[in-house]
């Protein structure tokens, strides 16, 4: 099998590879690496590895956003009938909470201080994240909807996927674990309690999932044309939601 054929297969199955890798991060790796995150909010203290992971997520999101915006511009240019304006504005507002939460984890993890305490490192991260959300909202939207089309190499697309996958999985994992939606083990729930947990939990999960995985969600919303692509898109979300609801059994 020659290299061109391999690259073609990889490109065809790119979404499936991305989604499976994302599920592994979210379901098997981050639950254990981020297990101290919930207590970090209630009992602020220095946990350096969490702070470093959060800082990496911030920069991965920053540079990954610029690459994904170029790619989304190419997809949107070839399929302009799918409007992104209202979707972008609404979920970028929700994304503010995601970005600020990641910044808060970085501040507390690196310094052990709360966001209320005067701290040079904390103030720098807080100001940087505030301006990043505000400025990047305009920049990214302009790049997607009205920017000049720039052809991306396969390597650059892969780098963008990896950066956004890491930041998205980090934000989704750390927020979902901190919320700690259910403290009752599944085996101890009543049947009605299980139904309520699944329904309410999945709705809450979607409210976090969309802004946390903003670029991947937007890409697949614009890209999905065939019935198979749409099924893969929504099936990936449902399976990831099932993993999130299984967190009480994982941890």
C-alpha atoms as a PDB file:
ATOM      1  CA  UNK A   1       0.000   0.000   0.000  1.00  0.00           C
ATOM      2  CA  UNK A   2       1.625   3.269  -1.124  1.00  0.00           C
ATOM      3  CA  UNK A   3       1.900   6.412   0.963  1.00  0.00           C
ATOM      4  CA  UNK A   4      -0.727   8.352  -0.996  1.00  0.00           C
ATOM      5  CA  UNK A   5      -3.319   5.647  -0.392  1.00  0.00           C
ATOM      6  CA  UNK A   6      -2.481   5.554   3.334  1.00  0.00           C
ATOM      7  CA  UNK A   7      -2.819   9.341   3.572  1.00  0.00           C
ATOM      8  CA  UNK A   8      -6.125   9.178   1.717  1.00  0.00           C
ATOM      9  CA  UNK A   9      -7.460   6.565   4.142  1.00  0.00           C
ATOM     10  CA  UNK A  10      -6.298   8.611   7.121  1.00  0.00           C
ATOM     11  CA  UNK A  11      -8.024  11.706   5.752  1.00  0.00           C
ATOM     12  CA  UNK A  12     -11.243   9.769   5.124  1.00  0.00           C
ATOM     13  CA  UNK A  13     -11.248   8.372   8.669  1.00  0.00           C
ATOM     14  CA  UNK A  14      -9.860  11.480  10.326  1.00  0.00           C
ATOM     15  CA  UNK A  15     -13.005  12.276  12.316  1.00  0.00           C
ATOM     16  CA  UNK A  16     -13.302   8.693  13.617  1.00  0.00           C
ATOM     17  CA  UNK A  17      -9.625   8.662  14.657  1.00  0.00           C
ATOM     18  CA  UNK A  18     -10.025  12.047  16.361  1.00  0.00           C
ATOM     19  CA  UNK A  19     -13.189  11.024  18.208  1.00  0.00           C
ATOM     20  CA  UNK A  20     -11.773   7.711  19.420  1.00  0.00           C
ATOM     21  CA  UNK A  21      -8.590   9.430  20.628  1.00  0.00           C
ATOM     22  CA  UNK A  22     -10.691  12.087  22.364  1.00  0.00           C
ATOM     23  CA  UNK A  23     -12.727   9.391  24.142  1.00  0.00           C
ATOM     24  CA  UNK A  24      -9.544   7.669  25.353  1.00  0.00           C
ATOM     25  CA  UNK A  25      -8.265  10.961  26.786  1.00  0.00           C
ATOM     26  CA  UNK A  26     -11.604  11.861  28.335  1.00  0.00           C
ATOM     27  CA  UNK A  27     -12.566   8.420  29.625  1.00  0.00           C
ATOM     28  CA  UNK A  28      -9.307   6.676  30.514  1.00  0.00           C
ATOM     29  CA  UNK A  29      -6.481   9.172  31.003  1.00  0.00           C
ATOM     30  CA  UNK A  30      -7.774  12.510  32.301  1.00  0.00           C
ATOM     31  CA  UNK A  31     -10.037  11.046  35.037  1.00  0.00           C
ATOM     32  CA  UNK A  32      -6.885   9.894  36.811  1.00  0.00           C
ATOM     33  CA  UNK A  33      -4.564  12.781  35.955  1.00  0.00           C
ATOM     34  CA  UNK A  34      -7.191  15.314  37.072  1.00  0.00           C
ATOM     35  CA  UNK A  35      -8.595  13.466  40.081  1.00  0.00           C
ATOM     36  CA  UNK A  36      -7.443  16.248  42.460  1.00  0.00           C
ATOM     37  CA  UNK A  37      -9.134  19.010  40.441  1.00  0.00           C
ATOM     38  CA  UNK A  38     -12.507  18.992  42.294  1.00  0.00           C
ATOM     39  CA  UNK A  39     -10.860  19.430  45.700  1.00  0.00           C
ATOM     40  CA  UNK A  40      -8.569  22.136  44.286  1.00  0.00           C
ATOM     41  CA  UNK A  41     -11.542  24.491  43.964  1.00  0.00           C
ATOM     42  CA  UNK A  42     -12.975  23.830  47.435  1.00  0.00           C
ATOM     43  CA  UNK A  43      -9.561  23.687  49.143  1.00  0.00           C
ATOM     44  CA  UNK A  44      -7.104  25.871  47.169  1.00  0.00           C
ATOM     45  CA  UNK A  45      -3.544  24.559  47.302  1.00  0.00           C
ATOM     46  CA  UNK A  46      -0.577  24.194  45.026  1.00  0.00           C
ATOM     47  CA  UNK A  47      -0.739  21.145  42.757  1.00  0.00           C
ATOM     48  CA  UNK A  48       1.912  21.865  40.160  1.00  0.00           C
ATOM     49  CA  UNK A  49       1.050  19.141  37.634  1.00  0.00           C
ATOM     50  CA  UNK A  50      -2.550  20.402  37.435  1.00  0.00           C
ATOM     51  CA  UNK A  51      -1.349  23.962  36.952  1.00  0.00           C
ATOM     52  CA  UNK A  52       1.033  22.879  34.191  1.00  0.00           C
ATOM     53  CA  UNK A  53      -1.688  20.838  32.456  1.00  0.00           C
ATOM     54  CA  UNK A  54      -4.020  23.849  32.583  1.00  0.00           C
ATOM     55  CA  UNK A  55      -1.299  26.156  31.247  1.00  0.00           C
ATOM     56  CA  UNK A  56      -0.609  23.711  28.405  1.00  0.00           C
ATOM     57  CA  UNK A  57      -4.347  23.642  27.638  1.00  0.00           C
ATOM     58  CA  UNK A  58      -4.396  27.454  27.430  1.00  0.00           C
ATOM     59  CA  UNK A  59      -1.558  27.583  24.884  1.00  0.00           C
ATOM     60  CA  UNK A  60      -2.796  24.504  23.008  1.00  0.00           C
ATOM     61  CA  UNK A  61      -6.168  26.214  22.661  1.00  0.00           C
ATOM     62  CA  UNK A  62      -4.546  29.478  21.552  1.00  0.00           C
ATOM     63  CA  UNK A  63      -2.372  28.050  18.765  1.00  0.00           C
ATOM     64  CA  UNK A  64      -4.821  25.270  17.864  1.00  0.00           C
ATOM     65  CA  UNK A  65      -7.572  27.873  17.400  1.00  0.00           C
ATOM     66  CA  UNK A  66      -5.579  29.730  14.755  1.00  0.00           C
ATOM     67  CA  UNK A  67      -4.985  26.537  12.767  1.00  0.00           C
ATOM     68  CA  UNK A  68      -8.572  25.298  13.092  1.00  0.00           C
ATOM     69  CA  UNK A  69      -9.940  28.707  12.070  1.00  0.00           C
ATOM     70  CA  UNK A  70      -8.017  28.439   8.782  1.00  0.00           C
ATOM     71  CA  UNK A  71      -9.366  24.943   8.215  1.00  0.00           C
ATOM     72  CA  UNK A  72     -12.918  25.993   9.102  1.00  0.00           C
ATOM     73  CA  UNK A  73     -12.575  28.844   6.623  1.00  0.00           C
ATOM     74  CA  UNK A  74     -11.847  26.324   3.852  1.00  0.00           C
ATOM     75  CA  UNK A  75     -14.832  24.171   4.843  1.00  0.00           C
ATOM     76  CA  UNK A  76     -17.173  27.148   5.207  1.00  0.00           C
ATOM     77  CA  UNK A  77     -16.063  28.687   1.889  1.00  0.00           C
ATOM     78  CA  UNK A  78     -17.058  25.502   0.069  1.00  0.00           C
ATOM     79  CA  UNK A  79     -20.350  25.224   1.974  1.00  0.00           C
ATOM     80  CA  UNK A  80     -21.461  28.808   2.754  1.00  0.00           C
ATOM     81  CA  UNK A  81     -25.152  27.996   3.052  1.00  0.00           C
ATOM     82  CA  UNK A  82     -24.527  26.695   6.564  1.00  0.00           C
ATOM     83  CA  UNK A  83     -24.516  29.925   8.588  1.00  0.00           C
ATOM     84  CA  UNK A  84     -22.142  30.027  11.546  1.00  0.00           C
ATOM     85  CA  UNK A  85     -22.874  33.558  12.824  1.00  0.00           C
ATOM     86  CA  UNK A  86     -25.498  32.976  15.511  1.00  0.00           C
ATOM     87  CA  UNK A  87     -24.006  29.646  16.553  1.00  0.00           C
ATOM     88  CA  UNK A  88     -20.595  31.266  16.944  1.00  0.00           C
ATOM     89  CA  UNK A  89     -21.829  34.237  18.981  1.00  0.00           C
ATOM     90  CA  UNK A  90     -24.029  32.211  21.350  1.00  0.00           C
ATOM     91  CA  UNK A  91     -21.519  29.491  22.124  1.00  0.00           C
ATOM     92  CA  UNK A  92     -18.537  31.839  22.232  1.00  0.00           C
ATOM     93  CA  UNK A  93     -20.297  33.549  25.147  1.00  0.00           C
ATOM     94  CA  UNK A  94     -20.649  30.182  26.895  1.00  0.00           C
ATOM     95  CA  UNK A  95     -17.025  29.476  26.027  1.00  0.00           C
ATOM     96  CA  UNK A  96     -16.002  32.371  28.280  1.00  0.00           C
ATOM     97  CA  UNK A  97     -16.885  30.222  31.309  1.00  0.00           C
ATOM     98  CA  UNK A  98     -14.809  27.333  29.928  1.00  0.00           C
ATOM     99  CA  UNK A  99     -11.754  29.533  29.309  1.00  0.00           C
ATOM    100  CA  UNK A 100     -11.988  31.258  32.694  1.00  0.00           C
ATOM    101  CA  UNK A 101     -12.351  27.931  34.501  1.00  0.00           C
ATOM    102  CA  UNK A 102      -9.177  26.642  32.837  1.00  0.00           C
ATOM    103  CA  UNK A 103      -7.395  29.844  33.841  1.00  0.00           C
ATOM    104  CA  UNK A 104      -8.553  29.446  37.437  1.00  0.00           C
ATOM    105  CA  UNK A 105      -7.170  25.878  37.581  1.00  0.00           C
ATOM    106  CA  UNK A 106      -3.846  27.165  36.221  1.00  0.00           C
ATOM    107  CA  UNK A 107      -3.679  29.967  38.802  1.00  0.00           C
ATOM    108  CA  UNK A 108      -4.538  27.831  41.828  1.00  0.00           C
ATOM    109  CA  UNK A 109      -2.505  24.811  40.681  1.00  0.00           C
ATOM    110  CA  UNK A 110       0.663  26.808  40.003  1.00  0.00           C
ATOM    111  CA  UNK A 111       0.552  29.204  42.958  1.00  0.00           C
ATOM    112  CA  UNK A 112      -1.798  27.700  45.550  1.00  0.00           C
ATOM    113  CA  UNK A 113      -3.501  31.100  45.791  1.00  0.00           C
ATOM    114  CA  UNK A 114      -7.153  31.837  45.041  1.00  0.00           C
ATOM    115  CA  UNK A 115      -8.148  34.259  42.302  1.00  0.00           C
ATOM    116  CA  UNK A 116      -9.091  36.805  45.031  1.00  0.00           C
ATOM    117  CA  UNK A 117      -5.584  36.954  46.477  1.00  0.00           C
ATOM    118  CA  UNK A 118      -3.044  39.407  44.982  1.00  0.00           C
ATOM    119  CA  UNK A 119      -0.569  37.338  43.020  1.00  0.00           C
ATOM    120  CA  UNK A 120       1.548  38.412  40.001  1.00  0.00           C
ATOM    121  CA  UNK A 121       1.310  35.029  38.251  1.00  0.00           C
ATOM    122  CA  UNK A 122      -2.413  34.768  38.903  1.00  0.00           C
ATOM    123  CA  UNK A 123      -3.109  38.321  37.732  1.00  0.00           C
ATOM    124  CA  UNK A 124      -1.094  37.752  34.556  1.00  0.00           C
ATOM    125  CA  UNK A 125      -3.011  34.576  33.686  1.00  0.00           C
ATOM    126  CA  UNK A 126      -6.396  36.162  34.523  1.00  0.00           C
ATOM    127  CA  UNK A 127      -5.733  39.260  32.384  1.00  0.00           C
ATOM    128  CA  UNK A 128      -4.309  37.159  29.542  1.00  0.00           C
ATOM    129  CA  UNK A 129      -7.349  34.858  29.525  1.00  0.00           C
ATOM    130  CA  UNK A 130      -9.812  37.784  29.620  1.00  0.00           C
ATOM    131  CA  UNK A 131      -8.198  39.466  26.627  1.00  0.00           C
ATOM    132  CA  UNK A 132      -7.727  36.136  24.845  1.00  0.00           C
ATOM    133  CA  UNK A 133     -11.450  35.393  24.981  1.00  0.00           C
ATOM    134  CA  UNK A 134     -12.460  38.902  23.919  1.00  0.00           C
ATOM    135  CA  UNK A 135      -9.934  39.415  21.107  1.00  0.00           C
ATOM    136  CA  UNK A 136      -9.961  35.873  19.770  1.00  0.00           C
ATOM    137  CA  UNK A 137     -13.735  35.951  19.439  1.00  0.00           C
ATOM    138  CA  UNK A 138     -13.418  38.666  16.797  1.00  0.00           C
ATOM    139  CA  UNK A 139     -10.248  37.267  15.213  1.00  0.00           C
ATOM    140  CA  UNK A 140     -11.467  33.670  14.897  1.00  0.00           C
ATOM    141  CA  UNK A 141     -14.874  34.662  13.522  1.00  0.00           C
ATOM    142  CA  UNK A 142     -13.250  36.924  10.919  1.00  0.00           C
ATOM    143  CA  UNK A 143     -10.830  34.147   9.941  1.00  0.00           C
ATOM    144  CA  UNK A 144     -13.667  31.613   9.547  1.00  0.00           C
ATOM    145  CA  UNK A 145     -16.316  33.711   7.824  1.00  0.00           C
ATOM    146  CA  UNK A 146     -14.384  36.376   5.953  1.00  0.00           C
ATOM    147  CA  UNK A 147     -10.700  35.482   6.078  1.00  0.00           C
ATOM    148  CA  UNK A 148      -8.465  34.818   3.100  1.00  0.00           C
ATOM    149  CA  UNK A 149      -8.411  31.129   2.236  1.00  0.00           C
ATOM    150  CA  UNK A 150      -5.036  29.553   3.042  1.00  0.00           C
ATOM    151  CA  UNK A 151      -4.310  25.959   2.055  1.00  0.00           C
ATOM    152  CA  UNK A 152      -3.173  23.919   5.048  1.00  0.00           C
ATOM    153  CA  UNK A 153      -0.819  20.979   4.783  1.00  0.00           C
ATOM    154  CA  UNK A 154      -1.867  17.618   6.194  1.00  0.00           C
ATOM    155  CA  UNK A 155       0.822  17.984   8.879  1.00  0.00           C
ATOM    156  CA  UNK A 156      -0.516  21.353  10.032  1.00  0.00           C
ATOM    157  CA  UNK A 157      -4.076  19.974  10.181  1.00  0.00           C
ATOM    158  CA  UNK A 158      -2.821  17.095  12.334  1.00  0.00           C
ATOM    159  CA  UNK A 159      -1.064  19.535  14.686  1.00  0.00           C
ATOM    160  CA  UNK A 160      -4.275  21.555  14.947  1.00  0.00           C
ATOM    161  CA  UNK A 161      -6.269  18.403  15.726  1.00  0.00           C
ATOM    162  CA  UNK A 162      -3.834  17.347  18.477  1.00  0.00           C
ATOM    163  CA  UNK A 163      -3.744  20.790  20.108  1.00  0.00           C
ATOM    164  CA  UNK A 164      -7.523  21.220  20.074  1.00  0.00           C
ATOM    165  CA  UNK A 165      -8.091  17.628  21.191  1.00  0.00           C
ATOM    166  CA  UNK A 166      -5.898  18.136  24.252  1.00  0.00           C
ATOM    167  CA  UNK A 167      -7.392  21.497  25.256  1.00  0.00           C
ATOM    168  CA  UNK A 168     -10.986  20.369  24.612  1.00  0.00           C
ATOM    169  CA  UNK A 169     -10.583  17.106  26.536  1.00  0.00           C
ATOM    170  CA  UNK A 170      -8.898  18.974  29.403  1.00  0.00           C
ATOM    171  CA  UNK A 171     -11.628  21.626  29.679  1.00  0.00           C
ATOM    172  CA  UNK A 172     -14.448  19.093  29.413  1.00  0.00           C
ATOM    173  CA  UNK A 173     -12.869  16.681  31.922  1.00  0.00           C
ATOM    174  CA  UNK A 174     -11.897  19.231  34.560  1.00  0.00           C
ATOM    175  CA  UNK A 175     -15.279  21.012  34.498  1.00  0.00           C
ATOM    176  CA  UNK A 176     -17.316  17.802  34.493  1.00  0.00           C
ATOM    177  CA  UNK A 177     -15.280  16.293  37.343  1.00  0.00           C
ATOM    178  CA  UNK A 178     -15.508  19.487  39.407  1.00  0.00           C
ATOM    179  CA  UNK A 179     -19.285  19.655  39.011  1.00  0.00           C
ATOM    180  CA  UNK A 180     -19.400  16.079  40.350  1.00  0.00           C
ATOM    181  CA  UNK A 181     -22.976  15.718  39.149  1.00  0.00           C
ATOM    182  CA  UNK A 182     -23.737  12.633  41.223  1.00  0.00           C
ATOM    183  CA  UNK A 183     -22.048  11.551  44.443  1.00  0.00           C
ATOM    184  CA  UNK A 184     -24.298   8.486  44.719  1.00  0.00           C
ATOM    185  CA  UNK A 185     -22.885   5.238  43.293  1.00  0.00           C
ATOM    186  CA  UNK A 186     -24.939   3.860  40.389  1.00  0.00           C
ATOM    187  CA  UNK A 187     -25.684   0.633  42.309  1.00  0.00           C
ATOM    188  CA  UNK A 188     -27.260   2.625  45.176  1.00  0.00           C
ATOM    189  CA  UNK A 189     -29.612   4.635  42.928  1.00  0.00           C
ATOM    190  CA  UNK A 190     -33.287   3.784  42.593  1.00  0.00           C
ATOM    191  CA  UNK A 191     -34.707   3.137  39.118  1.00  0.00           C
ATOM    192  CA  UNK A 192     -36.292   6.588  39.024  1.00  0.00           C
ATOM    193  CA  UNK A 193     -33.045   8.089  40.310  1.00  0.00           C
ATOM    194  CA  UNK A 194     -31.117   6.397  37.499  1.00  0.00           C
ATOM    195  CA  UNK A 195     -33.528   7.780  34.889  1.00  0.00           C
ATOM    196  CA  UNK A 196     -33.276  11.289  36.326  1.00  0.00           C
ATOM    197  CA  UNK A 197     -29.488  11.021  36.482  1.00  0.00           C
ATOM    198  CA  UNK A 198     -29.201   9.944  32.837  1.00  0.00           C
ATOM    199  CA  UNK A 199     -31.624  12.555  31.439  1.00  0.00           C
ATOM    200  CA  UNK A 200     -30.545  15.542  33.553  1.00  0.00           C
ATOM    201  CA  UNK A 201     -26.898  14.507  33.395  1.00  0.00           C
ATOM    202  CA  UNK A 202     -26.863  14.273  29.605  1.00  0.00           C
ATOM    203  CA  UNK A 203     -28.497  17.692  29.218  1.00  0.00           C
ATOM    204  CA  UNK A 204     -25.902  19.189  31.575  1.00  0.00           C
ATOM    205  CA  UNK A 205     -23.147  17.360  29.704  1.00  0.00           C
ATOM    206  CA  UNK A 206     -24.262  18.892  26.387  1.00  0.00           C
ATOM    207  CA  UNK A 207     -24.226  22.376  27.944  1.00  0.00           C
ATOM    208  CA  UNK A 208     -20.538  21.840  28.778  1.00  0.00           C
ATOM    209  CA  UNK A 209     -19.570  19.707  25.780  1.00  0.00           C
ATOM    210  CA  UNK A 210     -20.487  22.183  23.037  1.00  0.00           C
ATOM    211  CA  UNK A 211     -18.480  25.198  24.322  1.00  0.00           C
ATOM    212  CA  UNK A 212     -15.616  22.951  25.547  1.00  0.00           C
ATOM    213  CA  UNK A 213     -15.269  21.199  22.157  1.00  0.00           C
ATOM    214  CA  UNK A 214     -16.246  24.329  20.243  1.00  0.00           C
ATOM    215  CA  UNK A 215     -14.049  23.942  17.146  1.00  0.00           C
ATOM    216  CA  UNK A 216     -14.603  20.223  16.649  1.00  0.00           C
ATOM    217  CA  UNK A 217     -18.359  20.659  17.101  1.00  0.00           C
ATOM    218  CA  UNK A 218     -18.465  23.577  14.656  1.00  0.00           C
ATOM    219  CA  UNK A 219     -16.290  21.752  12.123  1.00  0.00           C
ATOM    220  CA  UNK A 220     -18.526  18.697  12.082  1.00  0.00           C
ATOM    221  CA  UNK A 221     -21.670  20.797  12.055  1.00  0.00           C
ATOM    222  CA  UNK A 222     -20.469  22.507   8.857  1.00  0.00           C
ATOM    223  CA  UNK A 223     -18.713  19.517   7.288  1.00  0.00           C
ATOM    224  CA  UNK A 224     -21.356  16.808   7.830  1.00  0.00           C
ATOM    225  CA  UNK A 225     -23.246  16.347   4.561  1.00  0.00           C
ATOM    226  CA  UNK A 226     -24.099  12.677   4.140  1.00  0.00           C
ATOM    227  CA  UNK A 227     -26.334  10.710   6.480  1.00  0.00           C
ATOM    228  CA  UNK A 228     -23.343   8.570   7.516  1.00  0.00           C
ATOM    229  CA  UNK A 229     -21.310  11.646   8.516  1.00  0.00           C
ATOM    230  CA  UNK A 230     -24.220  13.034  10.528  1.00  0.00           C
ATOM    231  CA  UNK A 231     -24.724   9.705  12.308  1.00  0.00           C
ATOM    232  CA  UNK A 232     -21.013   9.507  13.143  1.00  0.00           C
ATOM    233  CA  UNK A 233     -21.120  13.075  14.458  1.00  0.00           C
ATOM    234  CA  UNK A 234     -24.057  12.553  16.820  1.00  0.00           C
ATOM    235  CA  UNK A 235     -23.053   9.019  17.796  1.00  0.00           C
ATOM    236  CA  UNK A 236     -19.678  10.361  18.924  1.00  0.00           C
ATOM    237  CA  UNK A 237     -21.428  12.892  21.175  1.00  0.00           C
ATOM    238  CA  UNK A 238     -23.781  10.264  22.646  1.00  0.00           C
ATOM    239  CA  UNK A 239     -20.938   7.828  23.398  1.00  0.00           C
ATOM    240  CA  UNK A 240     -18.832  10.598  24.983  1.00  0.00           C
ATOM    241  CA  UNK A 241     -21.875  11.566  27.061  1.00  0.00           C
ATOM    242  CA  UNK A 242     -22.260   7.952  28.191  1.00  0.00           C
ATOM    243  CA  UNK A 243     -18.595   7.965  29.284  1.00  0.00           C
ATOM    244  CA  UNK A 244     -19.220  11.174  31.250  1.00  0.00           C
ATOM    245  CA  UNK A 245     -22.238   9.657  32.978  1.00  0.00           C
ATOM    246  CA  UNK A 246     -20.107   6.602  33.832  1.00  0.00           C
ATOM    247  CA  UNK A 247     -17.554   8.776  35.686  1.00  0.00           C
ATOM    248  CA  UNK A 248     -18.923   7.796  39.135  1.00  0.00           C
ATOM    249  CA  UNK A 249     -18.137   4.183  38.205  1.00  0.00           C
ATOM    250  CA  UNK A 250     -14.705   5.025  36.700  1.00  0.00           C
ATOM    251  CA  UNK A 251     -13.386   7.038  39.648  1.00  0.00           C
END
